[in-house]
PDB file of N, CA and C in Angstrom:
ATOM      1  N   MET A   1     104.375 100.120 104.832  1.00  0.00           N
ATOM      2  CA  MET A   1     105.292  98.986 104.899  1.00  0.00           C
ATOM      3  C   MET A   1     104.490  97.770 105.323  1.00  0.00           C
ATOM      4  N   GLU A   2     104.783  96.679 104.692  1.00  0.00           N
ATOM      5  CA  GLU A   2     104.100  95.441 105.036  1.00  0.00           C
ATOM      6  C   GLU A   2     105.120  94.314 105.015  1.00  0.00           C
ATOM      7  N   THR A   3     105.058  93.450 105.985  1.00  0.00           N
ATOM      8  CA  THR A   3     105.922  92.275 105.986  1.00  0.00           C
ATOM      9  C   THR A   3     105.075  91.049 105.718  1.00  0.00           C
ATOM     10  N   SER A   4     105.693  90.069 105.121  1.00  0.00           N
ATOM     11  CA  SER A   4     104.987  88.846 104.793  1.00  0.00           C
ATOM     12  C   SER A   4     105.969  87.682 104.857  1.00  0.00           C
ATOM     13  N   THR A   5     105.438  86.494 104.742  1.00  0.00           N
ATOM     14  CA  THR A   5     106.283  85.306 104.710  1.00  0.00           C
ATOM     15  C   THR A   5     106.834  85.120 103.311  1.00  0.00           C
ATOM     16  N   ASP A   6     107.786  84.228 103.183  1.00  0.00           N
ATOM     17  CA  ASP A   6     108.445  83.991 101.890  1.00  0.00           C
ATOM     18  C   ASP A   6     107.504  83.455 100.811  1.00  0.00           C
ATOM     19  N   ASP A   7     106.368  82.893 101.207  1.00  0.00           N
ATOM     20  CA  ASP A   7     105.477  82.290 100.212  1.00  0.00           C
ATOM     21  C   ASP A   7     104.503  83.313  99.610  1.00  0.00           C
ATOM     22  N   VAL A   8     104.579  84.577 100.010  1.00  0.00           N
ATOM     23  CA  VAL A   8     103.701  85.619  99.468  1.00  0.00           C
ATOM     24  C   VAL A   8     104.518  86.470  98.497  1.00  0.00           C
ATOM     25  N   HIS A   9     104.097  86.454  97.247  1.00  0.00           N
ATOM     26  CA  HIS A   9     104.805  87.226  96.220  1.00  0.00           C
ATOM     27  C   HIS A   9     104.557  88.715  96.408  1.00  0.00           C
ATOM     28  N   ASP A  10     105.570  89.526  96.147  1.00  0.00           N
ATOM     29  CA  ASP A  10     105.481  90.979  96.339  1.00  0.00           C
ATOM     30  C   ASP A  10     104.272  91.593  95.627  1.00  0.00           C
ATOM     31  N   VAL A  11     104.046  91.158  94.389  1.00  0.00           N
ATOM     32  CA  VAL A  11     102.977  91.767  93.594  1.00  0.00           C
ATOM     33  C   VAL A  11     101.594  91.513  94.216  1.00  0.00           C
ATOM     34  N   LYS A  12     101.444  90.470  95.002  1.00  0.00           N
ATOM     35  CA  LYS A  12     100.160  90.195  95.673  1.00  0.00           C
ATOM     36  C   LYS A  12      99.874  91.229  96.756  1.00  0.00           C
ATOM     37  N   ALA A  13     100.901  91.809  97.352  1.00  0.00           N
ATOM     38  CA  ALA A  13     100.736  92.810  98.399  1.00  0.00           C
ATOM     39  C   ALA A  13     100.533  94.209  97.827  1.00  0.00           C
ATOM     40  N   LEU A  14     100.803  94.394  96.560  1.00  0.00           N
ATOM     41  CA  LEU A  14     100.775  95.725  95.946  1.00  0.00           C
ATOM     42  C   LEU A  14      99.436  96.444  96.095  1.00  0.00           C
ATOM     43  N   PRO A  15      98.299  95.821  95.807  1.00  0.00           N
ATOM     44  CA  PRO A  15      97.030  96.569  95.930  1.00  0.00           C
ATOM     45  C   PRO A  15      96.820  97.160  97.323  1.00  0.00           C
ATOM     46  N   ARG A  16      97.122  96.397  98.321  1.00  0.00           N
ATOM     47  CA  ARG A  16      96.947  96.858  99.693  1.00  0.00           C
ATOM     48  C   ARG A  16      97.926  97.986 100.036  1.00  0.00           C
ATOM     49  N   LEU A  17      99.158  97.865  99.564  1.00  0.00           N
ATOM     50  CA  LEU A  17     100.151  98.900  99.812  1.00  0.00           C
ATOM     51  C   LEU A  17      99.781 100.212  99.139  1.00  0.00           C
ATOM     52  N   VAL A  18      99.289 100.136  97.906  1.00  0.00           N
ATOM     53  CA  VAL A  18      98.888 101.340  97.176  1.00  0.00           C
ATOM     54  C   VAL A  18      97.676 101.972  97.854  1.00  0.00           C
ATOM     55  N   GLU A  19      96.741 101.148  98.279  1.00  0.00           N
ATOM     56  CA  GLU A  19      95.545 101.660  98.961  1.00  0.00           C
ATOM     57  C   GLU A  19      95.917 102.379 100.245  1.00  0.00           C
ATOM     58  N   GLU A  20      96.771 101.767 101.050  1.00  0.00           N
ATOM     59  CA  GLU A  20      97.183 102.378 102.314  1.00  0.00           C
ATOM     60  C   GLU A  20      97.946 103.689 102.086  1.00  0.00           C
ATOM     61  N   ALA A  21      98.854 103.686 101.130  1.00  0.00           N
ATOM     62  CA  ALA A  21      99.630 104.897 100.860  1.00  0.00           C
ATOM     63  C   ALA A  21      98.732 106.013 100.369  1.00  0.00           C
ATOM     64  N   GLY A  22      97.725 105.671  99.576  1.00  0.00           N
ATOM     65  CA  GLY A  22      96.798 106.655  99.028  1.00  0.00           C
ATOM     66  C   GLY A  22      95.892 107.299 100.063  1.00  0.00           C
ATOM     67  N   ARG A  23      95.778 106.682 101.217  1.00  0.00           N
ATOM     68  CA  ARG A  23      94.964 107.278 102.292  1.00  0.00           C
ATOM     69  C   ARG A  23      95.655 108.470 102.930  1.00  0.00           C
ATOM     70  N   ASN A  24      96.955 108.497 102.895  1.00  0.00           N
ATOM     71  CA  ASN A  24      97.730 109.552 103.560  1.00  0.00           C
ATOM     72  C   ASN A  24      98.271 110.626 102.620  1.00  0.00           C
ATOM     73  N   MET A  25      98.394 110.280 101.365  1.00  0.00           N
ATOM     74  CA  MET A  25      98.967 111.230 100.391  1.00  0.00           C
ATOM     75  C   MET A  25      98.602 110.793  98.984  1.00  0.00           C
ATOM     76  N   ARG A  26      98.790 111.692  98.052  1.00  0.00           N
ATOM     77  CA  ARG A  26      98.544 111.344  96.654  1.00  0.00           C
ATOM     78  C   ARG A  26      99.788 110.622  96.118  1.00  0.00           C
ATOM     79  N   VAL A  27      99.574 109.420  95.620  1.00  0.00           N
ATOM     80  CA  VAL A  27     100.670 108.644  95.038  1.00  0.00           C
ATOM     81  C   VAL A  27     100.672 108.906  93.545  1.00  0.00           C
ATOM     82  N   SER A  28     101.758 109.444  93.035  1.00  0.00           N
ATOM     83  CA  SER A  28     101.823 109.772  91.602  1.00  0.00           C
ATOM     84  C   SER A  28     102.750 108.855  90.833  1.00  0.00           C
ATOM     85  N   LYS A  29     103.704 108.216  91.534  1.00  0.00           N
ATOM     86  CA  LYS A  29     104.678 107.366  90.876  1.00  0.00           C
ATOM     87  C   LYS A  29     105.069 106.237  91.801  1.00  0.00           C
ATOM     88  N   LEU A  30     105.252 105.048  91.239  1.00  0.00           N
ATOM     89  CA  LEU A  30     105.710 103.906  92.011  1.00  0.00           C
ATOM     90  C   LEU A  30     106.962 103.335  91.369  1.00  0.00           C
ATOM     91  N   TYR A  31     108.014 103.199  92.165  1.00  0.00           N
ATOM     92  CA  TYR A  31     109.243 102.558  91.721  1.00  0.00           C
ATOM     93  C   TYR A  31     109.230 101.136  92.245  1.00  0.00           C
ATOM     94  N   GLY A  32     109.438 100.161  91.387  1.00  0.00           N
ATOM     95  CA  GLY A  32     109.433  98.764  91.814  1.00  0.00           C
ATOM     96  C   GLY A  32     110.477  97.945  91.088  1.00  0.00           C
ATOM     97  N   ASP A  33     111.003  96.943  91.784  1.00  0.00           N
ATOM     98  CA  ASP A  33     111.965  96.063  91.151  1.00  0.00           C
ATOM     99  C   ASP A  33     111.228  95.017  90.307  1.00  0.00           C
ATOM    100  N   GLY A  34     111.984  94.059  89.796  1.00  0.00           N
ATOM    101  CA  GLY A  34     111.419  93.043  88.906  1.00  0.00           C
ATOM    102  C   GLY A  34     110.324  92.198  89.510  1.00  0.00           C
ATOM    103  N   ALA A  35     110.235  92.175  90.847  1.00  0.00           N
ATOM    104  CA  ALA A  35     109.177  91.405  91.488  1.00  0.00           C
ATOM    105  C   ALA A  35     107.797  91.984  91.159  1.00  0.00           C
ATOM    106  N   TYR A  36     107.744  93.252  90.785  1.00  0.00           N
ATOM    107  CA  TYR A  36     106.479  93.899  90.453  1.00  0.00           C
ATOM    108  C   TYR A  36     106.216  93.930  88.944  1.00  0.00           C
ATOM    109  N   ASP A  37     107.074  93.290  88.173  1.00  0.00           N
ATOM    110  CA  ASP A  37     106.945  93.270  86.714  1.00  0.00           C
ATOM    111  C   ASP A  37     105.865  92.276  86.305  1.00  0.00           C
ATOM    112  N   SER A  38     104.626  92.741  86.359  1.00  0.00           N
ATOM    113  CA  SER A  38     103.513  91.909  85.929  1.00  0.00           C
ATOM    114  C   SER A  38     102.421  92.808  85.344  1.00  0.00           C
ATOM    115  N   GLY A  39     101.636  92.231  84.467  1.00  0.00           N
ATOM    116  CA  GLY A  39     100.530  92.971  83.886  1.00  0.00           C
ATOM    117  C   GLY A  39      99.562  93.457  84.931  1.00  0.00           C
ATOM    118  N   ASP A  40      99.331  92.641  85.968  1.00  0.00           N
ATOM    119  CA  ASP A  40      98.416  93.052  87.040  1.00  0.00           C
ATOM    120  C   ASP A  40      98.892  94.316  87.721  1.00  0.00           C
ATOM    121  N   ALA A  41     100.188  94.409  88.002  1.00  0.00           N
ATOM    122  CA  ALA A  41     100.731  95.592  88.659  1.00  0.00           C
ATOM    123  C   ALA A  41     100.567  96.830  87.773  1.00  0.00           C
ATOM    124  N   TYR A  42     100.908  96.704  86.485  1.00  0.00           N
ATOM    125  CA  TYR A  42     100.780  97.837  85.565  1.00  0.00           C
ATOM    126  C   TYR A  42      99.310  98.281  85.431  1.00  0.00           C
ATOM    127  N   ARG A  43      98.406  97.329  85.328  1.00  0.00           N
ATOM    128  CA  ARG A  43      96.981  97.675  85.197  1.00  0.00           C
ATOM    129  C   ARG A  43      96.448  98.368  86.458  1.00  0.00           C
ATOM    130  N   LEU A  44      96.846  97.875  87.626  1.00  0.00           N
ATOM    131  CA  LEU A  44      96.411  98.480  88.887  1.00  0.00           C
ATOM    132  C   LEU A  44      96.887  99.926  88.965  1.00  0.00           C
ATOM    133  N   LEU A  45      98.147 100.141  88.672  1.00  0.00           N
ATOM    134  CA  LEU A  45      98.704 101.493  88.770  1.00  0.00           C
ATOM    135  C   LEU A  45      98.077 102.431  87.732  1.00  0.00           C
ATOM    136  N   GLU A  46      97.902 101.938  86.518  1.00  0.00           N
ATOM    137  CA  GLU A  46      97.271 102.764  85.473  1.00  0.00           C
ATOM    138  C   GLU A  46      95.857 103.140  85.863  1.00  0.00           C
ATOM    139  N   ALA A  47      95.087 102.227  86.409  1.00  0.00           N
ATOM    140  CA  ALA A  47      93.713 102.497  86.804  1.00  0.00           C
ATOM    141  C   ALA A  47      93.640 103.569  87.890  1.00  0.00           C
ATOM    142  N   ARG A  48      94.685 103.681  88.690  1.00  0.00           N
ATOM    143  CA  ARG A  48      94.712 104.670  89.769  1.00  0.00           C
ATOM    144  C   ARG A  48      95.466 105.935  89.373  1.00  0.00           C
ATOM    145  N   GLY A  49      95.908 106.021  88.116  1.00  0.00           N
ATOM    146  CA  GLY A  49      96.617 107.216  87.661  1.00  0.00           C
ATOM    147  C   GLY A  49      98.010 107.343  88.231  1.00  0.00           C
ATOM    148  N   ILE A  50      98.626 106.218  88.531  1.00  0.00           N
ATOM    149  CA  ILE A  50      99.965 106.193  89.117  1.00  0.00           C
ATOM    150  C   ILE A  50     100.958 105.780  88.039  1.00  0.00           C
ATOM    151  N   GLU A  51     102.000 106.587  87.835  1.00  0.00           N
ATOM    152  CA  GLU A  51     103.041 106.253  86.881  1.00  0.00           C
ATOM    153  C   GLU A  51     103.856 105.079  87.414  1.00  0.00           C
ATOM    154  N   SER A  52     104.079 104.092  86.586  1.00  0.00           N
ATOM    155  CA  SER A  52     104.853 102.932  87.011  1.00  0.00           C
ATOM    156  C   SER A  52     106.285 103.033  86.475  1.00  0.00           C
ATOM    157  N   VAL A  53     107.238 102.857  87.370  1.00  0.00           N
ATOM    158  CA  VAL A  53     108.640 102.748  87.014  1.00  0.00           C
ATOM    159  C   VAL A  53     109.090 101.413  87.592  1.00  0.00           C
ATOM    160  N   ILE A  54     108.875 100.376  86.804  1.00  0.00           N
ATOM    161  CA  ILE A  54     109.144  99.016  87.244  1.00  0.00           C
ATOM    162  C   ILE A  54     110.182  98.418  86.298  1.00  0.00           C
ATOM    163  N   LYS A  55     111.215  97.868  86.896  1.00  0.00           N
ATOM    164  CA  LYS A  55     112.281  97.275  86.094  1.00  0.00           C
ATOM    165  C   LYS A  55     111.783  95.960  85.469  1.00  0.00           C
ATOM    166  N   PRO A  56     111.720  95.900  84.143  1.00  0.00           N
ATOM    167  CA  PRO A  56     111.303  94.656  83.505  1.00  0.00           C
ATOM    168  C   PRO A  56     112.359  93.565  83.733  1.00  0.00           C
ATOM    169  N   ARG A  57     111.896  92.354  83.881  1.00  0.00           N
ATOM    170  CA  ARG A  57     112.824  91.238  84.008  1.00  0.00           C
ATOM    171  C   ARG A  57     113.559  91.044  82.680  1.00  0.00           C
ATOM    172  N   ARG A  58     114.731  90.435  82.755  1.00  0.00           N
ATOM    173  CA  ARG A  58     115.565  90.250  81.551  1.00  0.00           C
ATOM    174  C   ARG A  58     114.842  89.450  80.463  1.00  0.00           C
ATOM    175  N   ASN A  59     114.032  88.520  80.856  1.00  0.00           N
ATOM    176  CA  ASN A  59     113.366  87.655  79.874  1.00  0.00           C
ATOM    177  C   ASN A  59     111.971  88.177  79.486  1.00  0.00           C
ATOM    178  N   SER A  60     111.660  89.430  79.802  1.00  0.00           N
ATOM    179  CA  SER A  60     110.362  90.003  79.458  1.00  0.00           C
ATOM    180  C   SER A  60     110.187  90.045  77.950  1.00  0.00           C
ATOM    181  N   ARG A  61     108.957  89.774  77.525  1.00  0.00           N
ATOM    182  CA  ARG A  61     108.672  89.727  76.092  1.00  0.00           C
ATOM    183  C   ARG A  61     107.800  90.892  75.680  1.00  0.00           C
ATOM    184  N   LEU A  62     107.915  91.300  74.421  1.00  0.00           N
ATOM    185  CA  LEU A  62     107.124  92.407  73.893  1.00  0.00           C
ATOM    186  C   LEU A  62     105.698  92.013  73.558  1.00  0.00           C
ATOM    187  N   ASP A  63     105.406  90.726  73.491  1.00  0.00           N
ATOM    188  CA  ASP A  63     104.053  90.313  73.112  1.00  0.00           C
ATOM    189  C   ASP A  63     103.112  90.205  74.320  1.00  0.00           C
ATOM    190  N   THR A  64     103.449  90.884  75.399  1.00  0.00           N
ATOM    191  CA  THR A  64     102.581  90.898  76.574  1.00  0.00           C
ATOM    192  C   THR A  64     101.276  91.613  76.227  1.00  0.00           C
ATOM    193  N   ARG A  65     100.194  91.197  76.868  1.00  0.00           N
ATOM    194  CA  ARG A  65      98.884  91.794  76.582  1.00  0.00           C
ATOM    195  C   ARG A  65      98.701  93.143  77.235  1.00  0.00           C
ATOM    196  N   CYS A  66      99.545  93.484  78.193  1.00  0.00           N
ATOM    197  CA  CYS A  66      99.404  94.743  78.929  1.00  0.00           C
ATOM    198  C   CYS A  66     100.193  95.860  78.226  1.00  0.00           C
ATOM    199  N   PRO A  67      99.527  96.881  77.689  1.00  0.00           N
ATOM    200  CA  PRO A  67     100.232  97.942  76.958  1.00  0.00           C
ATOM    201  C   PRO A  67     101.293  98.671  77.790  1.00  0.00           C
ATOM    202  N   GLY A  68     101.013  98.961  79.054  1.00  0.00           N
ATOM    203  CA  GLY A  68     101.980  99.664  79.892  1.00  0.00           C
ATOM    204  C   GLY A  68     103.254  98.867  80.092  1.00  0.00           C
ATOM    205  N   ARG A  69     103.093  97.590  80.321  1.00  0.00           N
ATOM    206  CA  ARG A  69     104.247  96.710  80.518  1.00  0.00           C
ATOM    207  C   ARG A  69     105.018  96.566  79.210  1.00  0.00           C
ATOM    208  N   ARG A  70     104.308  96.422  78.102  1.00  0.00           N
ATOM    209  CA  ARG A  70     104.961  96.315  76.800  1.00  0.00           C
ATOM    210  C   ARG A  70     105.792  97.546  76.516  1.00  0.00           C
ATOM    211  N   LEU A  71     105.269  98.730  76.846  1.00  0.00           N
ATOM    212  CA  LEU A  71     106.001  99.977  76.639  1.00  0.00           C
ATOM    213  C   LEU A  71     107.283 100.001  77.484  1.00  0.00           C
ATOM    214  N   ALA A  72     107.183  99.574  78.738  1.00  0.00           N
ATOM    215  CA  ALA A  72     108.348  99.549  79.615  1.00  0.00           C
ATOM    216  C   ALA A  72     109.420  98.612  79.080  1.00  0.00           C
ATOM    217  N   VAL A  73     109.025  97.424  78.649  1.00  0.00           N
ATOM    218  CA  VAL A  73     109.990  96.455  78.109  1.00  0.00           C
ATOM    219  C   VAL A  73     110.637  97.030  76.864  1.00  0.00           C
ATOM    220  N   ASP A  74     109.853  97.659  75.999  1.00  0.00           N
ATOM    221  CA  ASP A  74     110.369  98.237  74.768  1.00  0.00           C
ATOM    222  C   ASP A  74     111.372  99.352  75.069  1.00  0.00           C
ATOM    223  N   ARG A  75     111.060 100.212  76.039  1.00  0.00           N
ATOM    224  CA  ARG A  75     111.977 101.317  76.376  1.00  0.00           C
ATOM    225  C   ARG A  75     113.319 100.813  76.890  1.00  0.00           C
ATOM    226  N   VAL A  76     113.286  99.814  77.760  1.00  0.00           N
ATOM    227  CA  VAL A  76     114.534  99.268  78.289  1.00  0.00           C
ATOM    228  C   VAL A  76     115.351  98.640  77.167  1.00  0.00           C
ATOM    229  N   ARG A  77     114.706  97.919  76.286  1.00  0.00           N
ATOM    230  CA  ARG A  77     115.424  97.309  75.162  1.00  0.00           C
ATOM    231  C   ARG A  77     115.994  98.368  74.219  1.00  0.00           C
ATOM    232  N   GLU A  78     115.222  99.401  73.970  1.00  0.00           N
ATOM    233  CA  GLU A  78     115.654 100.439  73.041  1.00  0.00           C
ATOM    234  C   GLU A  78     116.787 101.289  73.613  1.00  0.00           C
ATOM    235  N   LEU A  79     116.665 101.699  74.855  1.00  0.00           N
ATOM    236  CA  LEU A  79     117.639 102.609  75.463  1.00  0.00           C
ATOM    237  C   LEU A  79     118.793 101.899  76.161  1.00  0.00           C
ATOM    238  N   GLY A  80     118.563 100.673  76.591  1.00  0.00           N
ATOM    239  CA  GLY A  80     119.510  99.992  77.459  1.00  0.00           C
ATOM    240  C   GLY A  80     119.156 100.314  78.899  1.00  0.00           C
ATOM    241  N   TYR A  81     119.507  99.415  79.811  1.00  0.00           N
ATOM    242  CA  TYR A  81     119.099  99.584  81.211  1.00  0.00           C
ATOM    243  C   TYR A  81     119.612 100.881  81.814  1.00  0.00           C
ATOM    244  N   ASP A  82     120.894 101.183  81.652  1.00  0.00           N
ATOM    245  CA  ASP A  82     121.465 102.373  82.306  1.00  0.00           C
ATOM    246  C   ASP A  82     120.779 103.667  81.864  1.00  0.00           C
ATOM    247  N   ALA A  83     120.566 103.824  80.557  1.00  0.00           N
ATOM    248  CA  ALA A  83     119.904 105.033  80.061  1.00  0.00           C
ATOM    249  C   ALA A  83     118.452 105.084  80.525  1.00  0.00           C
ATOM    250  N   TRP A  84     117.775 103.933  80.526  1.00  0.00           N
ATOM    251  CA  TRP A  84     116.394 103.894  81.006  1.00  0.00           C
ATOM    252  C   TRP A  84     116.335 104.280  82.478  1.00  0.00           C
ATOM    253  N   ALA A  85     117.236 103.730  83.280  1.00  0.00           N
ATOM    254  CA  ALA A  85     117.250 104.040  84.714  1.00  0.00           C
ATOM    255  C   ALA A  85     117.486 105.529  84.956  1.00  0.00           C
ATOM    256  N   LYS A  86     118.386 106.117  84.203  1.00  0.00           N
ATOM    257  CA  LYS A  86     118.664 107.551  84.358  1.00  0.00           C
ATOM    258  C   LYS A  86     117.458 108.364  83.927  1.00  0.00           C
ATOM    259  N   LEU A  87     116.867 108.022  82.812  1.00  0.00           N
ATOM    260  CA  LEU A  87     115.699 108.753  82.277  1.00  0.00           C
ATOM    261  C   LEU A  87     114.498 108.702  83.249  1.00  0.00           C
ATOM    262  N   THR A  88     114.266 107.550  83.842  1.00  0.00           N
ATOM    263  CA  THR A  88     113.082 107.386  84.693  1.00  0.00           C
ATOM    264  C   THR A  88     113.329 107.703  86.167  1.00  0.00           C
ATOM    265  N   GLY A  89     114.583 107.873  86.538  1.00  0.00           N
ATOM    266  CA  GLY A  89     114.909 108.125  87.954  1.00  0.00           C
ATOM    267  C   GLY A  89     114.842 106.866  88.782  1.00  0.00           C
ATOM    268  N   TYR A  90     115.018 105.710  88.121  1.00  0.00           N
ATOM    269  CA  TYR A  90     114.903 104.425  88.811  1.00  0.00           C
ATOM    270  C   TYR A  90     115.861 104.297  89.980  1.00  0.00           C
ATOM    271  N   GLY A  91     116.983 104.992  89.952  1.00  0.00           N
ATOM    272  CA  GLY A  91     117.943 104.930  91.048  1.00  0.00           C
ATOM    273  C   GLY A  91     117.376 105.407  92.371  1.00  0.00           C
ATOM    274  N   ARG A  92     116.291 106.165  92.346  1.00  0.00           N
ATOM    275  CA  ARG A  92     115.658 106.616  93.582  1.00  0.00           C
ATOM    276  C   ARG A  92     115.149 105.457  94.416  1.00  0.00           C
ATOM    277  N   ARG A  93     114.819 104.372  93.759  1.00  0.00           N
ATOM    278  CA  ARG A  93     114.323 103.185  94.448  1.00  0.00           C
ATOM    279  C   ARG A  93     115.334 102.696  95.469  1.00  0.00           C
ATOM    280  N   TRP A  94     116.624 102.828  95.175  1.00  0.00           N
ATOM    281  CA  TRP A  94     117.654 102.338  96.086  1.00  0.00           C
ATOM    282  C   TRP A  94     117.642 103.106  97.407  1.00  0.00           C
ATOM    283  N   ALA A  95     117.356 104.376  97.364  1.00  0.00           N
ATOM    284  CA  ALA A  95     117.287 105.164  98.602  1.00  0.00           C
ATOM    285  C   ALA A  95     116.170 104.628  99.500  1.00  0.00           C
ATOM    286  N   VAL A  96     115.057 104.284  98.909  1.00  0.00           N
ATOM    287  CA  VAL A  96     113.930 103.744  99.663  1.00  0.00           C
ATOM    288  C   VAL A  96     114.298 102.353 100.205  1.00  0.00           C
ATOM    289  N   GLU A  97     114.897 101.533  99.358  1.00  0.00           N
ATOM    290  CA  GLU A  97     115.311 100.190  99.796  1.00  0.00           C
ATOM    291  C   GLU A  97     116.255 100.286 101.001  1.00  0.00           C
ATOM    292  N   THR A  98     117.193 101.209 100.940  1.00  0.00           N
ATOM    293  CA  THR A  98     118.156 101.380 102.035  1.00  0.00           C
ATOM    294  C   THR A  98     117.427 101.791 103.311  1.00  0.00           C
ATOM    295  N   SER A  99     116.501 102.722 103.186  1.00  0.00           N
ATOM    296  CA  SER A  99     115.767 103.166 104.361  1.00  0.00           C
ATOM    297  C   SER A  99     114.979 102.027 105.002  1.00  0.00           C
ATOM    298  N   TYR A 100     114.277 101.246 104.196  1.00  0.00           N
ATOM    299  CA  TYR A 100     113.488 100.142 104.736  1.00  0.00           C
ATOM    300  C   TYR A 100     114.358  99.038 105.294  1.00  0.00           C
ATOM    301  N   SER A 101     115.527  98.824 104.714  1.00  0.00           N
ATOM    302  CA  SER A 101     116.367  97.738 105.215  1.00  0.00           C
ATOM    303  C   SER A 101     116.911  98.026 106.620  1.00  0.00           C
ATOM    304  N   THR A 102     116.894  99.270 107.022  1.00  0.00           N
ATOM    305  CA  THR A 102     117.338  99.594 108.378  1.00  0.00           C
ATOM    306  C   THR A 102     116.332  99.141 109.434  1.00  0.00           C
ATOM    307  N   PHE A 103     115.086  98.924 109.019  1.00  0.00           N
ATOM    308  CA  PHE A 103     114.077  98.427 109.951  1.00  0.00           C
ATOM    309  C   PHE A 103     114.279  96.950 110.175  1.00  0.00           C
TER     310      PHE A 103
END
């Protein structure tokens, strides 16, 4: 867990969070909201062998240069958000969000 000021974007903290989590356990999957929807996040996770389950923003485009992100955007468009969320287990993210919000 890391806290930051409002001027620090979530995706900027991701490398450090992944590194810290990887010291204690093997990270195989990361669930992230739209704040993590960036090519940098997808590339970082792919390089570390971590499956990304990141909700694409509504205005995400298919012509992104990052193949992993392009695939995620395409799946959400093809299946619809609800089916994509069920298929990927995206709802699990809410349990984590609830736990952290208690702190």
